[in-house]
Amino acid sequence: MLTVKNDVMSLNLTNWNYSYYNSEFFKALISIVGTEKDGEFVQLYCPTVIDDQDTEVFQKDFEDLQEAIDFINKNYSHWSFIDPARKDGCSSCSAH
């Protein structure tokens, strides 16, 4: 798992569904929910902050994924960025 603090790494349209920001006690990620609006199903993208017990502390709804990504990057990019898909450590070195 790669942890980068205050770097150019951020959530984007490719990694938003598995990467997140992490602080000492909280995690900020984007979740997906569905709701009924005017008799139709609407999918929402929700920047969400959870605590170390996975209890929701904050959530804001967006119909547009890019708006949700922009919101979470603006408000939480000062936290550590976690991208579980990236490898870190000696085995990731090109010399091996």
PDB file of N, CA and C in Angstrom:
ATOM      1  N   MET A   1       0.838  -1.166   0.000  1.00  0.00           N
ATOM      2  CA  MET A   1       0.000   0.000   0.000  1.00  0.00           C
ATOM      3  C   MET A   1       0.888   1.236   0.000  1.00  0.00           C
ATOM      4  N   LEU A   2       0.581   2.188  -0.861  1.00  0.00           N
ATOM      5  CA  LEU A   2       1.366   3.404  -0.979  1.00  0.00           C
ATOM      6  C   LEU A   2       0.700   4.519  -0.193  1.00  0.00           C
ATOM      7  N   THR A   3       1.455   5.187   0.616  1.00  0.00           N
ATOM      8  CA  THR A   3       0.958   6.334   1.346  1.00  0.00           C
ATOM      9  C   THR A   3       1.808   7.529   0.960  1.00  0.00           C
ATOM     10  N   VAL A   4       1.203   8.532   0.394  1.00  0.00           N
ATOM     11  CA  VAL A   4       1.918   9.734  -0.011  1.00  0.00           C
ATOM     12  C   VAL A   4       1.224  10.918   0.628  1.00  0.00           C
ATOM     13  N   LYS A   5       1.959  11.719   1.358  1.00  0.00           N
ATOM     14  CA  LYS A   5       1.377  12.876   2.016  1.00  0.00           C
ATOM     15  C   LYS A   5       1.787  14.139   1.279  1.00  0.00           C
ATOM     16  N   ASN A   6       0.821  15.002   1.021  1.00  0.00           N
ATOM     17  CA  ASN A   6       1.061  16.291   0.379  1.00  0.00           C
ATOM     18  C   ASN A   6       1.814  16.141  -0.938  1.00  0.00           C
ATOM     19  N   ASP A   7       1.399  15.234  -1.774  1.00  0.00           N
ATOM     20  CA  ASP A   7       2.002  15.018  -3.071  1.00  0.00           C
ATOM     21  C   ASP A   7       0.949  15.330  -4.128  1.00  0.00           C
ATOM     22  N   VAL A   8       1.304  15.197  -5.387  1.00  0.00           N
ATOM     23  CA  VAL A   8       0.385  15.505  -6.470  1.00  0.00           C
ATOM     24  C   VAL A   8      -0.654  14.413  -6.679  1.00  0.00           C
ATOM     25  N   MET A   9      -0.537  13.309  -5.963  1.00  0.00           N
ATOM     26  CA  MET A   9      -1.498  12.224  -6.122  1.00  0.00           C
ATOM     27  C   MET A   9      -2.854  12.647  -5.556  1.00  0.00           C
ATOM     28  N   SER A  10      -3.902  12.286  -6.268  1.00  0.00           N
ATOM     29  CA  SER A  10      -5.237  12.647  -5.832  1.00  0.00           C
ATOM     30  C   SER A  10      -6.241  11.685  -6.454  1.00  0.00           C
ATOM     31  N   LEU A  11      -7.473  11.785  -6.008  1.00  0.00           N
ATOM     32  CA  LEU A  11      -8.534  10.987  -6.608  1.00  0.00           C
ATOM     33  C   LEU A  11      -8.799  11.507  -8.019  1.00  0.00           C
ATOM     34  N   ASN A  12      -9.118  10.583  -8.924  1.00  0.00           N
ATOM     35  CA  ASN A  12      -9.431  10.959 -10.298  1.00  0.00           C
ATOM     36  C   ASN A  12     -10.456   9.969 -10.853  1.00  0.00           C
ATOM     37  N   LEU A  13     -10.791  10.108 -12.123  1.00  0.00           N
ATOM     38  CA  LEU A  13     -11.817   9.252 -12.722  1.00  0.00           C
ATOM     39  C   LEU A  13     -11.391   7.791 -12.832  1.00  0.00           C
ATOM     40  N   THR A  14     -10.104   7.513 -12.669  1.00  0.00           N
ATOM     41  CA  THR A  14      -9.614   6.143 -12.753  1.00  0.00           C
ATOM     42  C   THR A  14      -9.562   5.446 -11.399  1.00  0.00           C
ATOM     43  N   ASN A  15      -9.173   6.168 -10.348  1.00  0.00           N
ATOM     44  CA  ASN A  15      -8.923   5.521  -9.050  1.00  0.00           C
ATOM     45  C   ASN A  15      -9.940   5.858  -7.958  1.00  0.00           C
ATOM     46  N   TRP A  16     -10.964   6.622  -8.230  1.00  0.00           N
ATOM     47  CA  TRP A  16     -11.875   7.133  -7.209  1.00  0.00           C
ATOM     48  C   TRP A  16     -12.585   6.029  -6.423  1.00  0.00           C
ATOM     49  N   ASN A  17     -12.770   4.853  -7.021  1.00  0.00           N
ATOM     50  CA  ASN A  17     -13.561   3.812  -6.346  1.00  0.00           C
ATOM     51  C   ASN A  17     -12.731   2.892  -5.455  1.00  0.00           C
ATOM     52  N   TYR A  18     -11.401   3.110  -5.355  1.00  0.00           N
ATOM     53  CA  TYR A  18     -10.602   2.308  -4.429  1.00  0.00           C
ATOM     54  C   TYR A  18      -9.550   3.113  -3.673  1.00  0.00           C
ATOM     55  N   SER A  19      -9.235   4.318  -4.099  1.00  0.00           N
ATOM     56  CA  SER A  19      -8.276   5.152  -3.385  1.00  0.00           C
ATOM     57  C   SER A  19      -9.022   6.069  -2.422  1.00  0.00           C
ATOM     58  N   TYR A  20      -8.300   6.592  -1.443  1.00  0.00           N
ATOM     59  CA  TYR A  20      -8.939   7.447  -0.449  1.00  0.00           C
ATOM     60  C   TYR A  20      -7.892   8.290   0.259  1.00  0.00           C
ATOM     61  N   TYR A  21      -8.368   9.244   1.030  1.00  0.00           N
ATOM     62  CA  TYR A  21      -7.506  10.061   1.890  1.00  0.00           C
ATOM     63  C   TYR A  21      -7.638   9.554   3.315  1.00  0.00           C
ATOM     64  N   ASN A  22      -6.540   9.596   4.035  1.00  0.00           N
ATOM     65  CA  ASN A  22      -6.519   9.065   5.388  1.00  0.00           C
ATOM     66  C   ASN A  22      -5.862  10.073   6.327  1.00  0.00           C
ATOM     67  N   SER A  23      -6.466  10.280   7.482  1.00  0.00           N
ATOM     68  CA  SER A  23      -5.848  11.086   8.532  1.00  0.00           C
ATOM     69  C   SER A  23      -5.661  10.170   9.739  1.00  0.00           C
ATOM     70  N   GLU A  24      -5.259  10.725  10.829  1.00  0.00           N
ATOM     71  CA  GLU A  24      -5.000   9.897  12.011  1.00  0.00           C
ATOM     72  C   GLU A  24      -6.242   9.130  12.465  1.00  0.00           C
ATOM     73  N   PHE A  25      -7.395   9.765  12.409  1.00  0.00           N
ATOM     74  CA  PHE A  25      -8.617   9.141  12.930  1.00  0.00           C
ATOM     75  C   PHE A  25      -9.727   8.966  11.893  1.00  0.00           C
ATOM     76  N   PHE A  26      -9.533   9.488  10.675  1.00  0.00           N
ATOM     77  CA  PHE A  26     -10.612   9.485   9.691  1.00  0.00           C
ATOM     78  C   PHE A  26     -10.130   9.045   8.314  1.00  0.00           C
ATOM     79  N   LYS A  27     -11.109   8.612   7.502  1.00  0.00           N
ATOM     80  CA  LYS A  27     -10.857   8.232   6.116  1.00  0.00           C
ATOM     81  C   LYS A  27     -11.893   8.970   5.268  1.00  0.00           C
ATOM     82  N   ALA A  28     -11.450   9.577   4.157  1.00  0.00           N
ATOM     83  CA  ALA A  28     -12.353  10.249   3.228  1.00  0.00           C
ATOM     84  C   ALA A  28     -12.331   9.494   1.905  1.00  0.00           C
ATOM     85  N   LEU A  29     -13.497   9.090   1.438  1.00  0.00           N
ATOM     86  CA  LEU A  29     -13.620   8.298   0.219  1.00  0.00           C
ATOM     87  C   LEU A  29     -14.907   8.681  -0.496  1.00  0.00           C
ATOM     88  N   ILE A  30     -15.091   8.124  -1.677  1.00  0.00           N
ATOM     89  CA  ILE A  30     -16.333   8.360  -2.413  1.00  0.00           C
ATOM     90  C   ILE A  30     -17.124   7.064  -2.443  1.00  0.00           C
ATOM     91  N   SER A  31     -18.353   7.146  -1.977  1.00  0.00           N
ATOM     92  CA  SER A  31     -19.248   5.991  -2.031  1.00  0.00           C
ATOM     93  C   SER A  31     -20.349   6.271  -3.055  1.00  0.00           C
ATOM     94  N   ILE A  32     -21.074   5.232  -3.404  1.00  0.00           N
ATOM     95  CA  ILE A  32     -22.175   5.356  -4.364  1.00  0.00           C
ATOM     96  C   ILE A  32     -23.463   4.972  -3.651  1.00  0.00           C
ATOM     97  N   VAL A  33     -24.476   5.783  -3.829  1.00  0.00           N
ATOM     98  CA  VAL A  33     -25.797   5.466  -3.289  1.00  0.00           C
ATOM     99  C   VAL A  33     -26.830   5.704  -4.380  1.00  0.00           C
ATOM    100  N   GLY A  34     -27.981   5.131  -4.194  1.00  0.00           N
ATOM    101  CA  GLY A  34     -29.094   5.348  -5.101  1.00  0.00           C
ATOM    102  C   GLY A  34     -30.262   5.931  -4.344  1.00  0.00           C
ATOM    103  N   THR A  35     -31.008   6.768  -5.012  1.00  0.00           N
ATOM    104  CA  THR A  35     -32.176   7.374  -4.385  1.00  0.00           C
ATOM    105  C   THR A  35     -33.257   7.583  -5.437  1.00  0.00           C
ATOM    106  N   GLU A  36     -34.443   7.827  -4.980  1.00  0.00           N
ATOM    107  CA  GLU A  36     -35.561   8.117  -5.876  1.00  0.00           C
ATOM    108  C   GLU A  36     -35.716   9.628  -5.973  1.00  0.00           C
ATOM    109  N   LYS A  37     -35.799  10.118  -7.193  1.00  0.00           N
ATOM    110  CA  LYS A  37     -36.000  11.557  -7.426  1.00  0.00           C
ATOM    111  C   LYS A  37     -37.025  11.708  -8.543  1.00  0.00           C
ATOM    112  N   ASP A  38     -38.126  12.341  -8.248  1.00  0.00           N
ATOM    113  CA  ASP A  38     -39.205  12.549  -9.221  1.00  0.00           C
ATOM    114  C   ASP A  38     -39.662  11.242  -9.869  1.00  0.00           C
ATOM    115  N   GLY A  39     -39.752  10.197  -9.059  1.00  0.00           N
ATOM    116  CA  GLY A  39     -40.247   8.920  -9.541  1.00  0.00           C
ATOM    117  C   GLY A  39     -39.232   8.077 -10.295  1.00  0.00           C
ATOM    118  N   GLU A  40     -37.980   8.526 -10.354  1.00  0.00           N
ATOM    119  CA  GLU A  40     -36.949   7.773 -11.059  1.00  0.00           C
ATOM    120  C   GLU A  40     -35.758   7.519 -10.145  1.00  0.00           C
ATOM    121  N   PHE A  41     -35.019   6.464 -10.464  1.00  0.00           N
ATOM    122  CA  PHE A  41     -33.809   6.126  -9.723  1.00  0.00           C
ATOM    123  C   PHE A  41     -32.673   7.052 -10.151  1.00  0.00           C
ATOM    124  N   VAL A  42     -31.954   7.589  -9.166  1.00  0.00           N
ATOM    125  CA  VAL A  42     -30.805   8.453  -9.424  1.00  0.00           C
ATOM    126  C   VAL A  42     -29.622   7.901  -8.652  1.00  0.00           C
ATOM    127  N   GLN A  43     -28.489   7.762  -9.328  1.00  0.00           N
ATOM    128  CA  GLN A  43     -27.253   7.330  -8.679  1.00  0.00           C
ATOM    129  C   GLN A  43     -26.493   8.563  -8.214  1.00  0.00           C
ATOM    130  N   LEU A  44     -26.034   8.555  -6.961  1.00  0.00           N
ATOM    131  CA  LEU A  44     -25.295   9.670  -6.397  1.00  0.00           C
ATOM    132  C   LEU A  44     -23.893   9.232  -6.013  1.00  0.00           C
ATOM    133  N   TYR A  45     -22.952  10.145  -6.172  1.00  0.00           N
ATOM    134  CA  TYR A  45     -21.563   9.936  -5.748  1.00  0.00           C
ATOM    135  C   TYR A  45     -21.376  10.777  -4.495  1.00  0.00           C
ATOM    136  N   CYS A  46     -20.923  10.141  -3.427  1.00  0.00           N
ATOM    137  CA  CYS A  46     -20.946  10.781  -2.123  1.00  0.00           C
ATOM    138  C   CYS A  46     -19.577  10.813  -1.461  1.00  0.00           C
ATOM    139  N   PRO A  47     -18.907  11.975  -1.481  1.00  0.00           N
ATOM    140  CA  PRO A  47     -17.721  12.104  -0.638  1.00  0.00           C
ATOM    141  C   PRO A  47     -18.161  11.848   0.805  1.00  0.00           C
ATOM    142  N   THR A  48     -17.485  10.899   1.449  1.00  0.00           N
ATOM    143  CA  THR A  48     -17.877  10.445   2.772  1.00  0.00           C
ATOM    144  C   THR A  48     -16.661  10.393   3.675  1.00  0.00           C
ATOM    145  N   VAL A  49     -16.826  10.849   4.911  1.00  0.00           N
ATOM    146  CA  VAL A  49     -15.779  10.720   5.926  1.00  0.00           C
ATOM    147  C   VAL A  49     -16.280   9.727   6.955  1.00  0.00           C
ATOM    148  N   ILE A  50     -15.427   8.716   7.224  1.00  0.00           N
ATOM    149  CA  ILE A  50     -15.756   7.728   8.244  1.00  0.00           C
ATOM    150  C   ILE A  50     -14.662   7.726   9.305  1.00  0.00           C
ATOM    151  N   ASP A  51     -15.032   7.300  10.508  1.00  0.00           N
ATOM    152  CA  ASP A  51     -14.045   7.242  11.584  1.00  0.00           C
ATOM    153  C   ASP A  51     -13.384   5.867  11.617  1.00  0.00           C
ATOM    154  N   ASP A  52     -12.549   5.642  12.610  1.00  0.00           N
ATOM    155  CA  ASP A  52     -11.806   4.378  12.688  1.00  0.00           C
ATOM    156  C   ASP A  52     -12.704   3.184  13.020  1.00  0.00           C
ATOM    157  N   GLN A  53     -13.962   3.417  13.333  1.00  0.00           N
ATOM    158  CA  GLN A  53     -14.940   2.351  13.557  1.00  0.00           C
ATOM    159  C   GLN A  53     -15.868   2.194  12.350  1.00  0.00           C
ATOM    160  N   ASP A  54     -15.523   2.848  11.228  1.00  0.00           N
ATOM    161  CA  ASP A  54     -16.310   2.850   9.990  1.00  0.00           C
ATOM    162  C   ASP A  54     -17.695   3.472  10.170  1.00  0.00           C
ATOM    163  N   THR A  55     -17.803   4.408  11.110  1.00  0.00           N
ATOM    164  CA  THR A  55     -19.045   5.141  11.322  1.00  0.00           C
ATOM    165  C   THR A  55     -18.994   6.430  10.514  1.00  0.00           C
ATOM    166  N   GLU A  56     -20.050   6.680   9.760  1.00  0.00           N
ATOM    167  CA  GLU A  56     -20.100   7.878   8.933  1.00  0.00           C
ATOM    168  C   GLU A  56     -20.128   9.129   9.803  1.00  0.00           C
ATOM    169  N   VAL A  57     -19.235  10.060   9.483  1.00  0.00           N
ATOM    170  CA  VAL A  57     -19.144  11.330  10.197  1.00  0.00           C
ATOM    171  C   VAL A  57     -19.719  12.456   9.334  1.00  0.00           C
ATOM    172  N   PHE A  58     -19.523  12.340   8.013  1.00  0.00           N
ATOM    173  CA  PHE A  58     -19.954  13.382   7.076  1.00  0.00           C
ATOM    174  C   PHE A  58     -20.222  12.741   5.725  1.00  0.00           C
ATOM    175  N   GLN A  59     -21.228  13.268   5.003  1.00  0.00           N
ATOM    176  CA  GLN A  59     -21.470  12.834   3.635  1.00  0.00           C
ATOM    177  C   GLN A  59     -22.148  13.953   2.864  1.00  0.00           C
ATOM    178  N   LYS A  60     -21.725  14.132   1.624  1.00  0.00           N
ATOM    179  CA  LYS A  60     -22.332  15.129   0.733  1.00  0.00           C
ATOM    180  C   LYS A  60     -22.633  14.430  -0.584  1.00  0.00           C
ATOM    181  N   ASP A  61     -23.788  14.697  -1.171  1.00  0.00           N
ATOM    182  CA  ASP A  61     -24.245  14.009  -2.373  1.00  0.00           C
ATOM    183  C   ASP A  61     -24.015  14.845  -3.631  1.00  0.00           C
ATOM    184  N   PHE A  62     -23.580  14.172  -4.701  1.00  0.00           N
ATOM    185  CA  PHE A  62     -23.410  14.787  -6.010  1.00  0.00           C
ATOM    186  C   PHE A  62     -23.954  13.830  -7.060  1.00  0.00           C
ATOM    187  N   GLU A  63     -24.649  14.353  -8.052  1.00  0.00           N
ATOM    188  CA  GLU A  63     -25.095  13.526  -9.164  1.00  0.00           C
ATOM    189  C   GLU A  63     -23.967  13.333 -10.169  1.00  0.00           C
ATOM    190  N   ASP A  64     -23.002  14.250 -10.193  1.00  0.00           N
ATOM    191  CA  ASP A  64     -21.895  14.195 -11.137  1.00  0.00           C
ATOM    192  C   ASP A  64     -20.625  13.697 -10.439  1.00  0.00           C
ATOM    193  N   LEU A  65     -20.022  12.636 -10.978  1.00  0.00           N
ATOM    194  CA  LEU A  65     -18.823  12.056 -10.375  1.00  0.00           C
ATOM    195  C   LEU A  65     -17.670  13.056 -10.321  1.00  0.00           C
ATOM    196  N   GLN A  66     -17.448  13.812 -11.381  1.00  0.00           N
ATOM    197  CA  GLN A  66     -16.327  14.758 -11.386  1.00  0.00           C
ATOM    198  C   GLN A  66     -16.504  15.824 -10.308  1.00  0.00           C
ATOM    199  N   GLU A  67     -17.717  16.265 -10.063  1.00  0.00           N
ATOM    200  CA  GLU A  67     -17.961  17.237  -8.990  1.00  0.00           C
ATOM    201  C   GLU A  67     -17.626  16.634  -7.629  1.00  0.00           C
ATOM    202  N   ALA A  68     -17.964  15.369  -7.416  1.00  0.00           N
ATOM    203  CA  ALA A  68     -17.642  14.685  -6.157  1.00  0.00           C
ATOM    204  C   ALA A  68     -16.131  14.563  -5.990  1.00  0.00           C
ATOM    205  N   ILE A  69     -15.431  14.219  -7.068  1.00  0.00           N
ATOM    206  CA  ILE A  69     -13.976  14.109  -7.034  1.00  0.00           C
ATOM    207  C   ILE A  69     -13.349  15.464  -6.726  1.00  0.00           C
ATOM    208  N   ASP A  70     -13.822  16.502  -7.392  1.00  0.00           N
ATOM    209  CA  ASP A  70     -13.284  17.851  -7.148  1.00  0.00           C
ATOM    210  C   ASP A  70     -13.502  18.267  -5.696  1.00  0.00           C
ATOM    211  N   PHE A  71     -14.670  17.975  -5.143  1.00  0.00           N
ATOM    212  CA  PHE A  71     -14.976  18.329  -3.759  1.00  0.00           C
ATOM    213  C   PHE A  71     -14.039  17.623  -2.785  1.00  0.00           C
ATOM    214  N   ILE A  72     -13.860  16.313  -2.950  1.00  0.00           N
ATOM    215  CA  ILE A  72     -13.040  15.564  -2.004  1.00  0.00           C
ATOM    216  C   ILE A  72     -11.572  15.966  -2.119  1.00  0.00           C
ATOM    217  N   ASN A  73     -11.088  16.207  -3.344  1.00  0.00           N
ATOM    218  CA  ASN A  73      -9.705  16.649  -3.506  1.00  0.00           C
ATOM    219  C   ASN A  73      -9.490  18.030  -2.887  1.00  0.00           C
ATOM    220  N   LYS A  74     -10.444  18.912  -3.044  1.00  0.00           N
ATOM    221  CA  LYS A  74     -10.320  20.270  -2.487  1.00  0.00           C
ATOM    222  C   LYS A  74     -10.301  20.246  -0.957  1.00  0.00           C
ATOM    223  N   ASN A  75     -11.099  19.384  -0.355  1.00  0.00           N
ATOM    224  CA  ASN A  75     -11.266  19.409   1.092  1.00  0.00           C
ATOM    225  C   ASN A  75     -10.373  18.453   1.877  1.00  0.00           C
ATOM    226  N   TYR A  76      -9.836  17.420   1.225  1.00  0.00           N
ATOM    227  CA  TYR A  76      -9.095  16.409   1.983  1.00  0.00           C
ATOM    228  C   TYR A  76      -7.710  16.084   1.426  1.00  0.00           C
ATOM    229  N   SER A  77      -7.264  16.766   0.401  1.00  0.00           N
ATOM    230  CA  SER A  77      -5.968  16.430  -0.204  1.00  0.00           C
ATOM    231  C   SER A  77      -4.785  16.737   0.712  1.00  0.00           C
ATOM    232  N   HIS A  78      -5.010  17.444   1.800  1.00  0.00           N
ATOM    233  CA  HIS A  78      -3.931  17.680   2.774  1.00  0.00           C
ATOM    234  C   HIS A  78      -3.724  16.453   3.678  1.00  0.00           C
ATOM    235  N   TRP A  79      -4.620  15.452   3.588  1.00  0.00           N
ATOM    236  CA  TRP A  79      -4.447  14.186   4.305  1.00  0.00           C
ATOM    237  C   TRP A  79      -3.567  13.258   3.474  1.00  0.00           C
ATOM    238  N   SER A  80      -3.132  12.162   4.055  1.00  0.00           N
ATOM    239  CA  SER A  80      -2.346  11.160   3.330  1.00  0.00           C
ATOM    240  C   SER A  80      -3.208  10.529   2.247  1.00  0.00           C
ATOM    241  N   PHE A  81      -2.630  10.324   1.070  1.00  0.00           N
ATOM    242  CA  PHE A  81      -3.340   9.689  -0.035  1.00  0.00           C
ATOM    243  C   PHE A  81      -2.987   8.207  -0.046  1.00  0.00           C
ATOM    244  N   ILE A  82      -4.001   7.350  -0.093  1.00  0.00           N
ATOM    245  CA  ILE A  82      -3.807   5.907  -0.094  1.00  0.00           C
ATOM    246  C   ILE A  82      -4.330   5.334  -1.416  1.00  0.00           C
ATOM    247  N   ASP A  83      -3.465   4.618  -2.112  1.00  0.00           N
ATOM    248  CA  ASP A  83      -3.848   3.948  -3.352  1.00  0.00           C
ATOM    249  C   ASP A  83      -3.452   2.477  -3.218  1.00  0.00           C
ATOM    250  N   PRO A  84      -4.377   1.605  -2.806  1.00  0.00           N
ATOM    251  CA  PRO A  84      -4.061   0.200  -2.577  1.00  0.00           C
ATOM    252  C   PRO A  84      -3.592  -0.537  -3.832  1.00  0.00           C
ATOM    253  N   ALA A  85      -3.859  -0.015  -5.009  1.00  0.00           N
ATOM    254  CA  ALA A  85      -3.451  -0.681  -6.245  1.00  0.00           C
ATOM    255  C   ALA A  85      -1.972  -0.469  -6.562  1.00  0.00           C
ATOM    256  N   ARG A  86      -1.370   0.536  -5.955  1.00  0.00           N
ATOM    257  CA  ARG A  86       0.063   0.814  -6.200  1.00  0.00           C
ATOM    258  C   ARG A  86       0.886   0.004  -5.232  1.00  0.00           C
ATOM    259  N   LYS A  87       1.986  -0.516  -5.710  1.00  0.00           N
ATOM    260  CA  LYS A  87       2.882  -1.299  -4.878  1.00  0.00           C
ATOM    261  C   LYS A  87       3.970  -0.394  -4.312  1.00  0.00           C
ATOM    262  N   ASP A  88       4.410  -0.703  -3.107  1.00  0.00           N
ATOM    263  CA  ASP A  88       5.442   0.060  -2.448  1.00  0.00           C
ATOM    264  C   ASP A  88       6.408  -0.921  -1.803  1.00  0.00           C
ATOM    265  N   GLY A  89       7.666  -0.632  -1.852  1.00  0.00           N
ATOM    266  CA  GLY A  89       8.642  -1.499  -1.215  1.00  0.00           C
ATOM    267  C   GLY A  89       9.667  -2.015  -2.185  1.00  0.00           C
ATOM    268  N   CYS A  90      10.560  -2.848  -1.693  1.00  0.00           N
ATOM    269  CA  CYS A  90      11.687  -3.333  -2.470  1.00  0.00           C
ATOM    270  C   CYS A  90      11.265  -4.139  -3.693  1.00  0.00           C
ATOM    271  N   SER A  91      10.212  -4.920  -3.584  1.00  0.00           N
ATOM    272  CA  SER A  91       9.817  -5.766  -4.708  1.00  0.00           C
ATOM    273  C   SER A  91       9.314  -4.959  -5.898  1.00  0.00           C
ATOM    274  N   SER A  92       8.974  -3.676  -5.697  1.00  0.00           N
ATOM    275  CA  SER A  92       8.505  -2.862  -6.803  1.00  0.00           C
ATOM    276  C   SER A  92       9.653  -2.196  -7.551  1.00  0.00           C
ATOM    277  N   CYS A  93      10.864  -2.380  -7.096  1.00  0.00           N
ATOM    278  CA  CYS A  93      12.032  -1.759  -7.716  1.00  0.00           C
ATOM    279  C   CYS A  93      12.302  -2.397  -9.073  1.00  0.00           C
ATOM    280  N   SER A  94      12.664  -1.594 -10.059  1.00  0.00           N
ATOM    281  CA  SER A  94      12.914  -2.125 -11.393  1.00  0.00           C
ATOM    282  C   SER A  94      14.173  -2.977 -11.458  1.00  0.00           C
ATOM    283  N   ALA A  95      15.015  -2.937 -10.427  1.00  0.00           N
ATOM    284  CA  ALA A  95      16.243  -3.755 -10.400  1.00  0.00           C
ATOM    285  C   ALA A  95      15.916  -5.218 -10.129  1.00  0.00           C
ATOM    286  N   HIS A  96      14.709  -5.542  -9.702  1.00  0.00           N
ATOM    287  CA  HIS A  96      14.339  -6.931  -9.374  1.00  0.00           C
ATOM    288  C   HIS A  96      13.586  -7.577 -10.492  1.00  0.00           C
TER     289      HIS A  96
END
